[in-house]
Amino acid sequence: MQRWIVRMAEIQLKSRPVRRHMRVALERQLKAQAELRGVELSLQPWHGLLLAHAPSDADPEAAADAFRHTFGIVAIDPAEQVEAAPESVADALEAGGFPEGVGSTFAIRCRRHGPKGEWGSQQFAAALGAEVQRRAPHLEVDLGEPDWEVRVALMPDHASLLGERIPGPGGLPTGVQGNVSANLADESDLLAAWLVMRRGCRILLDERADPALQARLTAWDAALADEGWALKLNSGPGPGHAGRVWGRVGADLEEFEAADDRNVPLVRLEPLAGWSEARLTELKHRFGIA
């Protein structure tokens, strides 16, 4: 079984009912993103985290790609589950190999999650550090800038040895702020649509959207893959609002024919207004098109 600890972004700042609504939307989106990449992902909410699991034979790179392309996630930590004992964690570290250089430095970063069990985070970090030094006396402690950083998530009934962190895109889960229409005619439309998606909007594309640009955006929302996924992931900011279009990106409103709905005012969104060339270049790097 492969495991990850998924850390949600600003969802955690919302009220309890809004937080639950957004978390459910995030879970649906993340599972869909993983399924499109051939990974069967199961998710369990736990004390402000999402605990993700996949079969042992699943492609970890495909799972990582799904995490990286799902809005609402700020970071993902691959997690190796071991017994909540310093000796057990040290066994796992030793199996992976200690740094060999004389004078190499290390630090234990331990964080407790959930109710307190037998160990506190600082106690566990100190005991694990002592056990590592007992097995590798050449290692020196450096809590400032260590050569080797060991990260441990301490749960009530087990410990998780954390691997290299996967950065997430942040923002809000796709769809929780409703639907926005867009026509992908050029690169600026693509970047503007991406920024609006990051704020929780689901993009509905015109039929005349550039196929190459649409393919790039589809990596960020499974609903753009086909009509089946669009139907499964249809969502909105609350009950009765799913499927409604309230705004437009990259075109004048006069060119857009919306359904007759007096309760949803149409607006034009221009998220790139006022951006300098330097900021646009930074955004292109972040999107992966520079």
Protein backbone atom coordinates (compact mmCIF):
# COMPACT_ATOMS: atom_id res chain seq x y z
CA MET A 1 0.00 0.00 0.00
CA GLN A 2 1.31 3.43 -0.97
CA ARG A 3 0.44 6.32 1.34
CA TRP A 4 0.50 10.11 1.20
CA ILE A 5 -0.43 12.86 3.64
CA VAL A 6 -2.27 15.60 1.72
CA ARG A 7 -2.27 19.09 3.20
CA MET A 8 -5.15 21.29 2.10
CA ALA A 9 -4.74 24.98 1.34
CA GLU A 10 -7.10 27.79 2.41
CA ILE A 11 -10.02 25.38 2.80
CA GLN A 12 -8.92 25.14 6.43
CA LEU A 13 -9.70 28.83 6.98
CA LYS A 14 -13.39 28.46 6.13
CA SER A 15 -16.32 27.86 8.48
CA ARG A 16 -17.19 24.25 9.27
CA PRO A 17 -20.06 23.81 6.75
CA VAL A 18 -18.16 25.60 3.97
CA ARG A 19 -15.02 23.64 4.81
CA ARG A 20 -16.90 20.35 4.52
CA HIS A 21 -18.48 21.37 1.19
CA MET A 22 -15.10 22.31 -0.25
CA ARG A 23 -13.35 19.24 1.11
CA VAL A 24 -15.91 16.92 -0.49
CA ALA A 25 -15.45 18.75 -3.81
CA LEU A 26 -11.68 18.40 -3.46
CA GLU A 27 -11.94 14.67 -2.78
CA ARG A 28 -14.10 14.14 -5.88
CA GLN A 29 -11.74 16.17 -8.03
CA LEU A 30 -8.59 14.49 -6.75
CA LYS A 31 -10.00 10.99 -7.24
CA ALA A 32 -11.02 11.91 -10.79
CA GLN A 33 -7.59 13.37 -11.56
CA ALA A 34 -5.95 10.19 -10.29
CA GLU A 35 -8.35 7.91 -12.20
CA LEU A 36 -7.60 9.73 -15.45
CA ARG A 37 -3.95 8.87 -14.85
CA GLY A 38 -4.66 5.22 -14.11
CA VAL A 39 -4.44 5.40 -10.30
CA GLU A 40 -7.17 4.19 -7.94
CA LEU A 41 -6.96 6.57 -5.01
CA SER A 42 -8.81 6.30 -1.70
CA LEU A 43 -9.04 9.29 0.65
CA GLN A 44 -9.74 9.62 4.35
CA PRO A 45 -10.22 13.02 6.04
CA TRP A 46 -8.48 13.11 9.40
CA HIS A 47 -7.86 16.09 11.72
CA GLY A 48 -7.52 18.66 8.94
CA LEU A 49 -5.53 16.35 6.66
CA LEU A 50 -6.40 14.02 3.82
CA LEU A 51 -4.83 10.58 4.11
CA ALA A 52 -4.42 9.14 0.61
CA HIS A 53 -3.86 5.47 -0.24
CA ALA A 54 -3.20 3.63 -3.48
CA PRO A 55 -2.38 -0.02 -4.29
CA SER A 56 1.27 -1.05 -4.12
CA ASP A 57 1.45 -1.54 -7.89
CA ALA A 58 0.11 1.95 -8.71
CA ASP A 59 2.44 4.30 -10.57
CA PRO A 60 3.75 6.79 -7.95
CA GLU A 61 4.69 9.33 -10.64
CA ALA A 62 1.15 9.26 -12.03
CA ALA A 63 -0.23 9.81 -8.51
CA ALA A 64 2.21 12.68 -7.94
CA ASP A 65 1.10 14.26 -11.23
CA ALA A 66 -2.54 14.08 -10.10
CA PHE A 67 -1.64 15.77 -6.80
CA ARG A 68 0.34 18.52 -8.56
CA HIS A 69 -2.59 19.29 -10.87
CA THR A 70 -5.37 19.48 -8.28
CA PHE A 71 -6.28 22.90 -6.92
CA GLY A 72 -6.96 23.19 -3.18
CA ILE A 73 -3.83 21.25 -2.18
CA VAL A 74 -0.75 23.03 -0.84
CA ALA A 75 1.60 20.07 -0.21
CA ILE A 76 1.75 16.28 -0.38
CA ASP A 77 4.09 14.11 1.67
CA PRO A 78 4.78 10.49 0.68
CA ALA A 79 4.47 8.54 3.93
CA GLU A 80 6.02 5.24 5.02
CA GLN A 81 4.02 3.92 7.96
CA VAL A 82 6.03 2.37 10.83
CA GLU A 83 5.53 1.62 14.50
CA ALA A 84 5.49 4.73 16.70
CA ALA A 85 8.81 3.87 18.34
CA PRO A 86 12.18 5.55 17.77
CA GLU A 87 13.84 2.16 17.19
CA SER A 88 11.34 1.26 14.43
CA VAL A 89 11.81 4.57 12.63
CA ALA A 90 15.58 4.21 12.95
CA ASP A 91 15.31 0.74 11.41
CA ALA A 92 13.53 2.24 8.39
CA LEU A 93 16.13 4.99 8.09
CA GLU A 94 19.00 2.51 8.35
CA ALA A 95 17.42 0.33 5.67
CA GLY A 96 17.44 3.36 3.36
CA GLY A 97 21.05 4.12 4.26
CA PHE A 98 22.60 6.73 6.52
CA PRO A 99 24.79 9.48 5.00
CA GLU A 100 28.37 8.15 4.94
CA GLY A 101 30.52 11.27 4.97
CA VAL A 102 32.44 12.01 8.19
CA GLY A 103 31.09 15.24 9.67
CA SER A 104 27.74 14.93 7.91
CA THR A 105 24.94 16.64 9.81
CA PHE A 106 21.31 15.73 10.36
CA ALA A 107 18.14 17.00 12.02
CA ILE A 108 14.91 15.34 13.11
CA ARG A 109 11.75 17.28 12.30
CA CYS A 110 8.84 15.70 14.13
CA ARG A 111 5.26 16.91 14.19
CA ARG A 112 2.41 15.34 16.11
CA HIS A 113 -1.08 15.07 14.55
CA GLY A 114 -4.32 14.26 16.33
CA PRO A 115 -4.71 13.35 20.00
CA LYS A 116 -1.52 12.93 22.00
CA GLY A 117 -0.38 9.35 22.40
CA GLU A 118 2.57 7.95 24.29
CA TRP A 119 5.01 10.44 22.75
CA GLY A 120 5.18 14.20 22.37
CA SER A 121 6.84 15.50 19.21
CA GLN A 122 9.92 16.91 20.95
CA GLN A 123 10.40 13.80 23.08
CA PHE A 124 10.14 11.56 20.02
CA ALA A 125 12.55 13.73 18.02
CA ALA A 126 15.14 13.63 20.82
CA ALA A 127 14.83 9.85 21.26
CA LEU A 128 15.04 9.22 17.50
CA GLY A 129 18.05 11.51 17.16
CA ALA A 130 19.85 9.64 19.94
CA GLU A 131 19.05 6.30 18.30
CA VAL A 132 20.36 7.51 14.91
CA GLN A 133 23.61 8.72 16.51
CA ARG A 134 24.01 5.42 18.32
CA ARG A 135 23.87 3.60 14.99
CA ALA A 136 25.82 6.21 13.00
CA PRO A 137 28.24 7.94 15.40
CA HIS A 138 29.82 9.96 12.58
CA LEU A 139 26.62 12.00 12.16
CA GLU A 140 26.41 15.35 13.94
CA VAL A 141 23.26 17.24 14.88
CA ASP A 142 22.61 20.56 13.11
CA LEU A 143 19.09 21.92 13.57
CA GLY A 144 19.81 24.98 11.41
CA GLU A 145 21.08 23.78 8.03
CA PRO A 146 21.53 20.01 8.18
CA ASP A 147 22.87 17.92 5.29
CA TRP A 148 20.15 15.34 5.97
CA GLU A 149 16.69 16.19 7.22
CA VAL A 150 14.46 13.47 8.64
CA ARG A 151 10.76 14.35 8.74
CA VAL A 152 8.37 12.33 10.88
CA ALA A 153 4.60 12.65 11.29
CA LEU A 154 3.63 11.27 14.69
CA MET A 155 0.13 9.83 14.84
CA PRO A 156 -1.62 8.39 17.94
CA ASP A 157 -1.06 4.77 16.85
CA HIS A 158 1.84 4.92 14.37
CA ALA A 159 4.54 7.11 12.89
CA SER A 160 4.98 8.10 9.26
CA LEU A 161 8.42 8.62 7.80
CA LEU A 162 7.94 11.36 5.22
CA GLY A 163 9.58 11.39 1.80
CA GLU A 164 10.36 14.28 -0.51
CA ARG A 165 7.51 16.79 -0.41
CA ILE A 166 5.43 17.29 -3.56
CA PRO A 167 4.31 20.93 -3.92
CA GLY A 168 0.66 21.55 -4.70
CA PRO A 169 -0.84 24.48 -6.64
CA GLY A 170 -2.79 25.86 -3.67
CA GLY A 171 -6.00 27.81 -4.23
CA LEU A 172 -9.55 26.49 -3.90
CA PRO A 173 -10.98 23.20 -5.21
CA THR A 174 -12.23 23.40 -8.78
CA GLY A 175 -15.96 24.12 -9.04
CA VAL A 176 -16.69 25.44 -5.55
CA GLN A 177 -17.06 29.00 -6.91
CA GLY A 178 -19.31 28.05 -9.81
CA ASN A 179 -18.80 27.99 -13.58
CA VAL A 180 -17.13 30.55 -15.83
CA SER A 181 -17.11 30.51 -19.62
CA ALA A 182 -13.91 30.97 -21.64
CA ASN A 183 -12.66 30.93 -25.20
CA LEU A 184 -9.05 29.78 -25.44
CA ALA A 185 -7.83 31.74 -28.44
CA ASP A 186 -4.27 32.46 -27.32
CA GLU A 187 -1.77 32.01 -24.50
CA SER A 188 -3.12 34.94 -22.49
CA ASP A 189 -6.57 33.31 -22.44
CA LEU A 190 -4.94 30.12 -21.14
CA LEU A 191 -3.17 31.91 -18.30
CA ALA A 192 -6.27 33.90 -17.37
CA ALA A 193 -8.38 30.74 -17.30
CA TRP A 194 -5.79 29.02 -15.08
CA LEU A 195 -5.85 31.88 -12.56
CA VAL A 196 -9.64 31.80 -12.40
CA MET A 197 -9.59 28.01 -11.95
CA ARG A 198 -7.17 28.41 -9.07
CA ARG A 199 -9.77 30.56 -7.31
CA GLY A 200 -12.29 27.70 -7.40
CA CYS A 201 -14.07 28.27 -10.72
CA ARG A 202 -14.75 25.56 -13.26
CA ILE A 203 -14.03 26.62 -16.84
CA LEU A 204 -16.59 25.81 -19.54
CA LEU A 205 -14.95 26.15 -22.95
CA ASP A 206 -16.46 27.38 -26.20
CA GLU A 207 -16.56 24.99 -29.13
CA ARG A 208 -14.08 27.23 -30.96
CA ALA A 209 -11.43 26.91 -28.22
CA ASP A 210 -7.95 26.06 -29.53
CA PRO A 211 -7.52 22.26 -29.16
CA ALA A 212 -3.84 22.51 -28.15
CA LEU A 213 -4.61 25.04 -25.42
CA GLN A 214 -7.61 23.01 -24.28
CA ALA A 215 -5.38 19.95 -23.88
CA ARG A 216 -3.06 21.92 -21.58
CA LEU A 217 -5.96 23.08 -19.43
CA THR A 218 -7.50 19.59 -19.27
CA ALA A 219 -4.55 18.42 -17.15
CA TRP A 220 -5.91 20.67 -14.38
CA ASP A 221 -9.56 19.58 -14.48
CA ALA A 222 -10.87 16.11 -15.29
CA ALA A 223 -14.24 17.67 -16.20
CA LEU A 224 -12.65 19.01 -19.40
CA ALA A 225 -11.71 15.50 -20.55
CA ASP A 226 -15.19 14.56 -21.79
CA GLU A 227 -18.91 15.06 -21.13
CA GLY A 228 -19.04 12.06 -18.79
CA TRP A 229 -16.52 13.56 -16.41
CA ALA A 230 -18.16 16.98 -16.71
CA LEU A 231 -21.46 15.49 -15.54
CA LYS A 232 -19.86 13.58 -12.66
CA LEU A 233 -17.98 16.64 -11.38
CA ASN A 234 -20.73 19.21 -11.87
CA SER A 235 -20.69 21.43 -8.79
CA GLY A 236 -21.27 24.94 -7.52
CA PRO A 237 -20.88 27.26 -4.53
CA GLY A 238 -23.93 25.73 -2.86
CA PRO A 239 -27.24 23.86 -3.36
CA GLY A 240 -29.14 24.98 -6.47
CA HIS A 241 -26.16 26.67 -8.10
CA ALA A 242 -24.50 23.74 -9.88
CA GLY A 243 -24.05 24.24 -13.60
CA ARG A 244 -24.82 27.97 -13.69
CA VAL A 245 -22.44 30.29 -15.55
CA TRP A 246 -21.85 33.62 -13.83
CA GLY A 247 -18.83 35.04 -15.65
CA ARG A 248 -16.70 35.16 -18.76
CA VAL A 249 -12.91 35.09 -19.23
CA GLY A 250 -11.09 36.53 -22.23
CA ALA A 251 -13.94 37.96 -24.30
CA ASP A 252 -16.58 40.69 -24.31
CA LEU A 253 -19.91 39.76 -22.78
CA GLU A 254 -21.65 40.86 -25.96
CA GLU A 255 -20.12 37.85 -27.74
CA PHE A 256 -21.48 35.40 -25.17
CA GLU A 257 -25.02 34.04 -25.10
CA ALA A 258 -25.99 32.97 -21.59
CA ALA A 259 -29.05 31.17 -20.33
CA ASP A 260 -31.83 33.44 -19.08
CA ASP A 261 -31.26 33.55 -15.33
CA ARG A 262 -31.89 36.85 -13.58
CA ASN A 263 -30.41 35.53 -10.33
CA VAL A 264 -26.88 35.14 -11.74
CA PRO A 265 -25.36 38.41 -13.03
CA LEU A 266 -22.76 37.97 -15.76
CA VAL A 267 -19.38 39.59 -15.29
CA ARG A 268 -16.21 39.81 -17.33
CA LEU A 269 -13.11 38.56 -15.55
CA GLU A 270 -9.70 39.99 -16.42
CA PRO A 271 -7.26 38.41 -13.95
CA LEU A 272 -4.19 39.47 -15.99
CA ALA A 273 -5.03 43.20 -15.95
CA GLY A 274 -2.06 45.21 -14.70
CA TRP A 275 0.41 42.32 -14.75
CA SER A 276 4.00 43.18 -15.67
CA GLU A 277 6.00 41.13 -18.16
CA ALA A 278 8.13 39.81 -15.28
CA ARG A 279 5.06 38.51 -13.41
CA LEU A 280 3.65 36.99 -16.59
CA THR A 281 6.93 35.17 -17.19
CA GLU A 282 6.85 33.87 -13.61
CA LEU A 283 3.27 32.64 -14.14
CA LYS A 284 4.29 30.88 -17.37
CA HIS A 285 7.06 29.07 -15.52
CA ARG A 286 4.60 28.05 -12.81
CA PHE A 287 2.16 26.78 -15.42
CA GLY A 288 4.93 25.00 -17.29
CA ILE A 289 4.70 26.79 -20.64
CA ALA A 290 7.77 29.06 -20.47
